[in-house]
Amino acid sequence: MDVRVRGAVPPDPFLSARDVFETEHDLEKPVWIEVQDDPDERTWTGHHDDHHTLNISRQAATSAMARELALHEYAHMRRHEEAHPSHVQPTGEVLYLALAGRRVERRLISHCYQIANHMKDVYADDITLSVGPGHKLVDFFESALAAAVADGPGASPFRESRLVSAGADPDITAVNAAFALAMVERHDLVGENHRLYDLARVAADDAPAVDVDRFRRRFSTLGVDPTESEYRKSLVDVTRSYVLAGQQGAD
């Protein structure tokens, strides 16, 4: 697995993540680590004909979470190379199918894209957590969700957090809480008395139109190896559920 760090940051976290990843998986294409100076740049992966790109801010690349962020993005690359439905079906097309004939607020559309990203993350973290411990991911979820519940996403230490949502909207924060609970339950990472459950209850209270338990079950029970049709149906169903809840909450 070829990893090339293109930026003035220590390569150790990215190479360490590669070594951990290679204990169970591999990538056919090389990975270029592109370091961005903008501290608000979100970590994201690009896929090209001859390589993958991991774009990451310098702040995140030198943080204590750098290895875990890289490992997570390598998992996305693996899912893309194996043509997993969650990573190759165009999200926009599926959302159009889910919402055809409906008038939907722009904020709800943006939230639907975040929900689709959560579903991708479920499948990426199935790989991530098969090769490494989950304690840092749990701490990451707890810190980001606590910030979102207390002060909104601007208080989160990194914009790379998968629980960040623009505008501190309580509805998507509640779904983010459901996603965090789903991941720790899917991989048996915490007990039922963990603080994440308290934070999720607060998020649920702030968004009465969103059924946090229902979204938690949807994320945690996603099939391990869905067909394209099965995955498309899951995304359509969860999108419609969220939009319906949002429209009811606005009434």
Protein backbone atom coordinates (compact mmCIF):
# COMPACT_ATOMS: atom_id res chain seq x y z
CA MET A 1 0.00 0.00 0.00
CA ASP A 2 1.67 3.18 -1.25
CA VAL A 3 1.11 6.32 0.86
CA ARG A 4 2.66 9.63 -0.17
CA VAL A 5 2.42 12.65 2.15
CA ARG A 6 2.39 15.87 0.12
CA GLY A 7 2.79 18.61 2.72
CA ALA A 8 5.14 19.78 5.48
CA VAL A 9 3.72 17.61 8.26
CA PRO A 10 5.16 14.53 10.00
CA PRO A 11 4.23 11.45 7.93
CA ASP A 12 4.21 9.11 10.94
CA PRO A 13 0.42 9.12 11.65
CA PHE A 14 -0.40 8.30 8.03
CA LEU A 15 2.21 5.57 7.79
CA SER A 16 1.15 4.14 11.13
CA ALA A 17 -2.46 4.08 9.94
CA ARG A 18 -1.29 2.30 6.78
CA ASP A 19 0.50 -0.36 8.85
CA VAL A 20 -2.62 -0.97 10.95
CA PHE A 21 -4.87 -1.03 7.88
CA GLU A 22 -2.63 -3.56 6.11
CA THR A 23 -3.12 -6.14 8.86
CA GLU A 24 -6.51 -6.94 7.31
CA HIS A 25 -6.92 -4.91 4.09
CA ASP A 26 -5.07 -3.34 1.18
CA LEU A 27 -5.54 -0.74 -1.53
CA GLU A 28 -4.72 -1.22 -5.17
CA LYS A 29 -4.20 2.50 -5.87
CA PRO A 30 -1.65 4.74 -4.14
CA VAL A 31 -2.83 7.31 -1.61
CA TRP A 32 -1.78 10.95 -1.83
CA ILE A 33 -2.11 12.88 1.43
CA GLU A 34 -2.84 16.51 0.52
CA VAL A 35 -2.38 18.85 3.50
CA GLN A 36 -4.47 22.03 3.44
CA ASP A 37 -3.55 25.20 5.35
CA ASP A 38 -7.17 26.15 6.02
CA PRO A 39 -7.96 24.92 9.58
CA ASP A 40 -11.65 24.71 8.65
CA GLU A 41 -11.01 22.30 5.77
CA ARG A 42 -12.91 19.08 6.40
CA THR A 43 -11.12 15.77 5.97
CA TRP A 44 -12.39 14.15 2.79
CA THR A 45 -11.38 11.57 0.22
CA GLY A 46 -11.19 11.88 -3.55
CA HIS A 47 -11.01 9.00 -6.01
CA HIS A 48 -9.14 9.24 -9.32
CA ASP A 49 -8.20 6.87 -12.12
CA ASP A 50 -4.69 6.23 -10.80
CA HIS A 51 -4.79 7.23 -7.11
CA HIS A 52 -6.87 8.24 -4.09
CA THR A 53 -6.54 11.63 -2.39
CA LEU A 54 -6.89 12.25 1.33
CA ASN A 55 -7.42 15.98 1.90
CA ILE A 56 -6.81 17.06 5.46
CA SER A 57 -6.12 20.35 7.26
CA ARG A 58 -2.70 20.91 8.78
CA GLN A 59 -4.40 21.29 12.16
CA ALA A 60 -6.00 17.85 11.90
CA ALA A 61 -2.89 16.27 10.36
CA THR A 62 -0.86 17.25 13.43
CA SER A 63 -3.55 16.43 15.99
CA ALA A 64 -3.88 13.44 18.29
CA MET A 65 -6.60 12.12 15.97
CA ALA A 66 -4.48 12.16 12.79
CA ARG A 67 -3.90 8.40 12.68
CA GLU A 68 -7.56 7.60 13.34
CA LEU A 69 -8.74 10.10 10.72
CA ALA A 70 -6.37 8.56 8.16
CA LEU A 71 -7.45 5.04 9.03
CA HIS A 72 -11.09 6.01 8.57
CA GLU A 73 -10.39 7.56 5.16
CA TYR A 74 -8.40 4.50 4.04
CA ALA A 75 -11.51 2.49 4.86
CA HIS A 76 -13.58 4.74 2.59
CA MET A 77 -11.04 4.11 -0.16
CA ARG A 78 -11.32 0.36 0.36
CA ARG A 79 -15.12 0.54 0.12
CA HIS A 80 -14.80 2.54 -3.10
CA GLU A 81 -12.37 0.06 -4.65
CA GLU A 82 -14.62 -2.87 -3.82
CA ALA A 83 -17.59 -0.97 -5.33
CA HIS A 84 -19.64 -1.12 -2.15
CA PRO A 85 -23.14 0.27 -2.91
CA SER A 86 -22.83 2.92 -0.20
CA HIS A 87 -19.79 4.37 -1.94
CA VAL A 88 -20.61 4.10 -5.63
CA GLN A 89 -24.31 4.94 -5.85
CA PRO A 90 -24.65 8.69 -6.55
CA THR A 91 -26.18 10.22 -3.42
CA GLY A 92 -27.95 12.96 -5.35
CA GLU A 93 -29.78 10.48 -7.54
CA VAL A 94 -31.00 8.47 -4.55
CA LEU A 95 -32.16 11.60 -2.71
CA TYR A 96 -33.99 12.76 -5.82
CA LEU A 97 -35.76 9.41 -5.91
CA ALA A 98 -36.62 9.70 -2.21
CA LEU A 99 -37.94 13.25 -2.42
CA ALA A 100 -39.51 13.38 -5.89
CA GLY A 101 -42.72 15.42 -5.86
CA ARG A 102 -42.03 16.96 -2.45
CA ARG A 103 -41.25 20.58 -1.56
CA VAL A 104 -38.29 20.38 0.79
CA GLU A 105 -36.42 23.16 2.61
CA ARG A 106 -32.81 23.69 1.62
CA ARG A 107 -31.64 22.99 5.18
CA LEU A 108 -33.35 19.59 5.12
CA ILE A 109 -31.69 18.74 1.81
CA SER A 110 -28.26 19.52 3.27
CA HIS A 111 -29.10 17.39 6.30
CA CYS A 112 -30.10 14.51 4.02
CA TYR A 113 -26.63 14.60 2.48
CA GLN A 114 -25.15 14.42 5.96
CA ILE A 115 -27.34 11.42 6.76
CA ALA A 116 -26.13 9.73 3.57
CA ASN A 117 -22.57 10.41 4.71
CA HIS A 118 -23.39 8.78 8.04
CA MET A 119 -24.48 5.67 6.18
CA LYS A 120 -21.20 5.66 4.27
CA ASP A 121 -19.38 6.09 7.58
CA VAL A 122 -21.14 3.05 9.04
CA TYR A 123 -19.59 0.88 6.34
CA ALA A 124 -16.20 2.58 6.51
CA ASP A 125 -16.05 2.14 10.28
CA ASP A 126 -16.98 -1.52 9.97
CA ILE A 127 -13.51 -1.77 8.44
CA THR A 128 -11.84 0.77 10.74
CA LEU A 129 -13.03 -0.97 13.89
CA SER A 130 -12.10 -4.40 12.58
CA VAL A 131 -8.40 -3.44 12.59
CA GLY A 132 -8.06 -1.00 15.48
CA PRO A 133 -9.45 -0.15 18.92
CA GLY A 134 -12.45 2.12 19.19
CA HIS A 135 -11.71 4.15 22.31
CA LYS A 136 -10.50 7.23 20.43
CA LEU A 137 -13.57 7.13 18.20
CA VAL A 138 -15.79 7.01 21.29
CA ASP A 139 -13.94 9.97 22.81
CA PHE A 140 -14.23 11.82 19.50
CA PHE A 141 -17.99 11.24 19.32
CA GLU A 142 -18.46 12.27 22.95
CA SER A 143 -16.48 15.51 22.57
CA ALA A 144 -18.14 16.54 19.31
CA LEU A 145 -21.65 15.69 20.46
CA ALA A 146 -21.17 17.49 23.77
CA ALA A 147 -20.05 20.60 21.88
CA ALA A 148 -22.97 20.39 19.46
CA VAL A 149 -25.51 19.97 22.27
CA ALA A 150 -24.04 22.72 24.46
CA ASP A 151 -22.95 25.42 22.07
CA GLY A 152 -23.48 24.28 18.50
CA PRO A 153 -20.93 23.00 16.00
CA GLY A 154 -18.68 26.05 16.26
CA ALA A 155 -17.46 24.79 19.63
CA SER A 156 -16.25 21.47 18.21
CA PRO A 157 -12.42 21.33 18.22
CA PHE A 158 -12.25 20.13 14.60
CA ARG A 159 -14.53 20.77 11.64
CA GLU A 160 -13.58 17.21 10.58
CA SER A 161 -15.99 15.83 13.17
CA ARG A 162 -18.65 13.66 11.63
CA LEU A 163 -21.09 15.14 14.13
CA VAL A 164 -20.72 18.74 12.97
CA SER A 165 -23.78 20.35 11.39
CA ALA A 166 -23.96 23.89 10.07
CA GLY A 167 -26.28 26.19 11.96
CA ALA A 168 -26.52 24.12 15.18
CA ASP A 169 -29.83 22.74 13.97
CA PRO A 170 -31.25 20.57 16.78
CA ASP A 171 -32.93 18.15 14.35
CA ILE A 172 -29.73 17.04 12.62
CA THR A 173 -27.88 17.12 15.95
CA ALA A 174 -30.41 14.54 17.18
CA VAL A 175 -29.72 12.36 14.13
CA ASN A 176 -25.99 12.79 14.71
CA ALA A 177 -26.53 11.54 18.26
CA ALA A 178 -28.39 8.53 16.89
CA PHE A 179 -25.48 7.81 14.56
CA ALA A 180 -22.95 7.96 17.41
CA LEU A 181 -25.02 5.56 19.51
CA ALA A 182 -25.49 3.25 16.53
CA MET A 183 -21.75 2.98 15.95
CA VAL A 184 -20.87 2.22 19.56
CA GLU A 185 -23.66 -0.35 19.75
CA ARG A 186 -22.88 -1.94 16.37
CA HIS A 187 -19.34 -2.60 17.61
CA ASP A 188 -20.06 -3.05 21.34
CA LEU A 189 -17.76 -0.20 22.36
CA VAL A 190 -19.44 1.18 25.49
CA GLY A 191 -21.86 0.22 28.23
CA GLU A 192 -25.40 1.52 28.57
CA ASN A 193 -24.32 3.98 31.27
CA HIS A 194 -21.86 5.81 29.04
CA ARG A 195 -22.18 9.61 28.82
CA LEU A 196 -23.06 9.36 25.12
CA TYR A 197 -26.51 8.14 26.14
CA ASP A 198 -27.04 11.18 28.38
CA LEU A 199 -25.97 13.50 25.57
CA ALA A 200 -28.28 11.73 23.15
CA ARG A 201 -31.22 12.19 25.52
CA VAL A 202 -30.52 15.93 25.68
CA ALA A 203 -30.29 16.08 21.86
CA ALA A 204 -33.59 14.18 21.61
CA ASP A 205 -35.29 16.57 24.02
CA ASP A 206 -34.16 19.49 21.87
CA ALA A 207 -35.66 17.90 18.73
CA PRO A 208 -39.01 16.33 19.67
CA ALA A 209 -39.95 15.70 16.02
CA VAL A 210 -36.95 13.38 15.54
CA ASP A 211 -37.21 9.82 16.85
CA VAL A 212 -33.61 9.26 17.96
CA ASP A 213 -34.18 5.61 18.83
CA ARG A 214 -35.62 4.92 15.41
CA PHE A 215 -32.65 6.48 13.62
CA ARG A 216 -30.26 4.66 15.96
CA ARG A 217 -31.81 1.34 15.00
CA ARG A 218 -31.72 2.22 11.30
CA PHE A 219 -27.99 2.96 11.40
CA SER A 220 -26.99 0.12 13.72
CA THR A 221 -28.86 -2.57 11.78
CA LEU A 222 -27.71 -1.71 8.27
CA GLY A 223 -26.89 -4.96 6.47
CA VAL A 224 -23.18 -5.77 6.29
CA ASP A 225 -23.18 -6.61 2.59
CA PRO A 226 -26.26 -5.06 0.97
CA THR A 227 -27.14 -5.27 -2.70
CA GLU A 228 -27.45 -2.00 -4.62
CA SER A 229 -31.23 -2.28 -4.37
CA GLU A 230 -31.17 -2.95 -0.62
CA TYR A 231 -28.86 -0.04 0.07
CA ARG A 232 -30.85 2.32 -2.13
CA LYS A 233 -34.06 1.36 -0.31
CA SER A 234 -32.40 1.96 3.09
CA LEU A 235 -31.24 5.43 2.08
CA VAL A 236 -34.59 6.30 0.55
CA ASP A 237 -36.42 5.18 3.70
CA VAL A 238 -34.20 7.05 6.14
CA THR A 239 -34.29 10.19 3.98
CA ARG A 240 -38.07 10.21 3.82
CA SER A 241 -38.29 9.62 7.58
CA TYR A 242 -36.07 12.58 8.29
CA VAL A 243 -37.79 14.96 5.88
CA LEU A 244 -41.22 13.97 7.21
CA ALA A 245 -40.04 14.61 10.78
CA GLY A 246 -38.58 17.97 9.75
CA GLN A 247 -41.76 19.06 8.00
CA GLN A 248 -43.90 18.01 10.95
CA GLY A 249 -41.60 19.88 13.32
CA ALA A 250 -42.03 23.02 11.24
CA ASP A 251 -45.84 22.88 11.33
